Amino acid sequence: MTGPSRLAVGDAAPAFTLPNDSGSETSLSDFAGERVLVYFYPRANTPGCTKEACDFRDNLGELENLNIRVVGISPDKVDKLADFRADHDLNFPLLSDESKEVMTAWGAFGEKKNYGRIVQGVIRSTFLVEPDGTIGLALYNVRATGHVARVLRDLN
């Protein structure tokens, strides 16, 4: 099974500008000089994605204490993301990558195993982008449950 190219610690984070849940655009460059956690998830309002998003919401204070901002990216349409954010009181921006170009550039879209079958899809992944624009943490094929706790352990 060949998957997408993967980013590694020290690689330059691929630039992006995507529509957000508020109807404007968000770029990676908006976070220049800051640490930002970029996480990719398959679909808003599904059980695993909701669990993961709510875990980020509930732990945002601890991440902010580490001077880390959070951004979620999925292939959902902007209006679905706005509903997802409102339904779950999410306190960080959600970005829409309907074309999956950004996901592909980050290695978060491609071949993956799903219930024993090889399919094309979103690879649940999380990255820490350091203030200099390089990757400080790259996690692929993460599980929604317990993922945020693992990220916090890796960052401390």
Protein backbone atom coordinates (compact mmCIF):
# COMPACT_ATOMS: atom_id res chain seq x y z
CA MET A 1 0.00 0.00 0.00
CA THR A 2 1.48 3.35 -0.99
CA GLY A 3 0.26 6.35 0.89
CA PRO A 4 0.76 10.05 0.42
CA SER A 5 4.12 11.66 1.15
CA ARG A 6 4.40 12.41 4.81
CA LEU A 7 5.75 15.44 6.58
CA ALA A 8 8.44 14.95 9.19
CA VAL A 9 9.77 17.06 12.04
CA GLY A 10 11.87 19.88 10.59
CA ASP A 11 10.06 20.00 7.22
CA ALA A 12 8.56 23.29 6.10
CA ALA A 13 4.80 23.33 6.70
CA PRO A 14 2.97 23.63 3.36
CA ALA A 15 1.28 27.03 3.03
CA PHE A 16 -2.50 27.23 2.75
CA THR A 17 -5.37 29.67 2.54
CA LEU A 18 -8.82 28.14 3.07
CA PRO A 19 -12.36 29.35 3.75
CA ASN A 20 -13.29 29.16 7.43
CA ASP A 21 -16.52 28.54 9.34
CA SER A 22 -17.09 32.31 9.65
CA GLY A 23 -17.18 32.86 5.90
CA SER A 24 -13.76 34.52 5.59
CA GLU A 25 -10.36 33.01 4.83
CA THR A 26 -7.64 31.73 7.12
CA SER A 27 -4.04 31.23 6.02
CA LEU A 28 -1.21 29.44 7.74
CA SER A 29 0.69 32.74 7.42
CA ASP A 30 -1.90 34.31 9.77
CA PHE A 31 -0.09 32.39 12.53
CA ALA A 32 3.45 33.42 11.53
CA GLY A 33 5.66 33.62 14.62
CA GLU A 34 3.22 31.50 16.65
CA ARG A 35 2.87 27.82 17.40
CA VAL A 36 -0.25 26.35 15.80
CA LEU A 37 -1.68 22.85 15.98
CA VAL A 38 -3.24 21.93 12.63
CA TYR A 39 -5.40 18.85 12.74
CA PHE A 40 -7.16 17.11 9.86
CA TYR A 41 -10.35 15.13 10.39
CA PRO A 42 -12.70 13.26 8.02
CA ARG A 43 -16.17 14.72 8.61
CA ALA A 44 -17.94 17.12 10.95
CA ASN A 45 -20.67 15.82 13.25
CA THR A 46 -19.60 12.18 13.08
CA PRO A 47 -18.96 10.45 16.41
CA GLY A 48 -15.16 10.26 16.24
CA CYS A 49 -14.69 13.74 14.77
CA THR A 50 -17.06 15.26 17.31
CA LYS A 51 -15.19 13.54 20.16
CA GLU A 52 -11.85 14.81 18.86
CA ALA A 53 -13.09 18.38 18.31
CA CYS A 54 -14.69 18.52 21.78
CA ASP A 55 -11.45 17.22 23.32
CA PHE A 56 -9.55 20.06 21.63
CA ARG A 57 -12.23 22.49 22.86
CA ASP A 58 -12.01 21.19 26.41
CA ASN A 59 -8.19 21.34 26.44
CA LEU A 60 -7.74 24.62 24.58
CA GLY A 61 -6.77 26.45 27.79
CA GLU A 62 -3.93 24.02 28.42
CA LEU A 63 -2.76 24.34 24.80
CA GLU A 64 -2.95 28.14 25.01
CA ASN A 65 -0.82 27.97 28.19
CA LEU A 66 1.80 26.35 25.93
CA ASN A 67 1.29 29.27 23.47
CA ILE A 68 -0.37 26.97 20.93
CA ARG A 69 -3.35 27.90 18.76
CA VAL A 70 -5.59 25.23 17.18
CA VAL A 71 -7.07 24.96 13.68
CA GLY A 72 -9.19 22.06 12.39
CA ILE A 73 -9.41 21.20 8.67
CA SER A 74 -11.88 18.87 6.95
CA PRO A 75 -13.34 18.48 3.46
CA ASP A 76 -16.76 19.69 4.71
CA LYS A 77 -18.53 22.70 3.22
CA VAL A 78 -18.28 25.97 5.17
CA ASP A 79 -21.95 25.94 6.25
CA LYS A 80 -21.58 22.45 7.72
CA LEU A 81 -18.48 23.61 9.61
CA ALA A 82 -20.37 26.64 10.96
CA ASP A 83 -23.13 24.34 12.24
CA PHE A 84 -20.56 21.93 13.74
CA ARG A 85 -18.80 24.76 15.54
CA ALA A 86 -22.08 26.19 16.88
CA ASP A 87 -23.55 22.80 17.85
CA HIS A 88 -20.52 21.95 20.00
CA ASP A 89 -19.39 25.43 21.13
CA LEU A 90 -16.02 24.92 19.47
CA ASN A 91 -13.59 27.71 20.38
CA PHE A 92 -11.15 27.49 17.46
CA PRO A 93 -11.52 27.96 13.69
CA LEU A 94 -12.58 25.18 11.34
CA LEU A 95 -11.39 25.35 7.73
CA SER A 96 -12.89 23.81 4.60
CA ASP A 97 -10.66 21.92 2.15
CA GLU A 98 -13.28 20.59 -0.25
CA SER A 99 -10.67 20.02 -3.00
CA LYS A 100 -8.46 18.09 -0.52
CA GLU A 101 -5.40 19.82 -2.02
CA VAL A 102 -4.15 21.03 1.36
CA MET A 103 -4.79 17.65 2.96
CA THR A 104 -2.84 15.98 0.17
CA ALA A 105 0.08 18.43 0.54
CA TRP A 106 0.24 17.60 4.27
CA GLY A 107 -0.01 13.83 3.68
CA ALA A 108 -3.45 13.75 5.32
CA PHE A 109 -5.38 12.46 2.29
CA GLY A 110 -4.72 9.32 0.30
CA GLU A 111 -4.78 5.56 0.58
CA LYS A 112 -5.60 4.19 3.99
CA LYS A 113 -6.99 1.02 5.51
CA ASN A 114 -10.59 1.19 6.63
CA TYR A 115 -12.04 -1.98 8.15
CA GLY A 116 -9.40 -4.04 6.34
CA ARG A 117 -10.01 -2.48 2.91
CA ILE A 118 -7.76 0.02 1.15
CA VAL A 119 -9.69 3.21 0.39
CA GLN A 120 -8.99 6.83 -0.52
CA GLY A 121 -9.83 9.19 2.30
CA VAL A 122 -8.84 11.64 4.96
CA ILE A 123 -6.07 10.34 7.21
CA ARG A 124 -6.76 11.69 10.69
CA SER A 125 -3.55 13.63 11.40
CA THR A 126 -2.19 16.35 13.67
CA PHE A 127 0.79 18.66 13.22
CA LEU A 128 2.46 21.27 15.36
CA VAL A 129 3.80 24.14 13.27
CA GLU A 130 6.57 26.00 15.06
CA PRO A 131 6.97 29.81 14.93
CA ASP A 132 9.54 29.47 12.13
CA GLY A 133 7.04 27.58 9.93
CA THR A 134 8.57 24.15 10.37
CA ILE A 135 6.89 20.98 11.58
CA GLY A 136 7.57 20.33 15.28
CA LEU A 137 5.29 17.30 15.63
CA ALA A 138 3.71 15.09 12.96
CA LEU A 139 1.17 12.43 13.94
CA TYR A 140 -0.61 10.30 11.32
CA ASN A 141 -3.43 7.76 11.61
CA VAL A 142 -4.38 9.00 15.06
CA ARG A 143 -7.37 7.71 17.00
CA ALA A 144 -9.99 10.30 17.92
CA THR A 145 -10.38 9.07 21.49
CA GLY A 146 -7.46 10.01 23.70
CA HIS A 147 -5.67 11.85 20.93
CA VAL A 148 -5.58 15.28 22.58
CA ALA A 149 -4.19 13.79 25.80
CA ARG A 150 -1.43 12.14 23.73
CA VAL A 151 -0.63 15.43 22.00
CA LEU A 152 -0.39 17.19 25.36
CA ARG A 153 1.93 14.46 26.68
CA ASP A 154 4.13 14.78 23.56
CA LEU A 155 4.32 18.56 23.98
CA ASN A 156 5.19 18.57 27.69
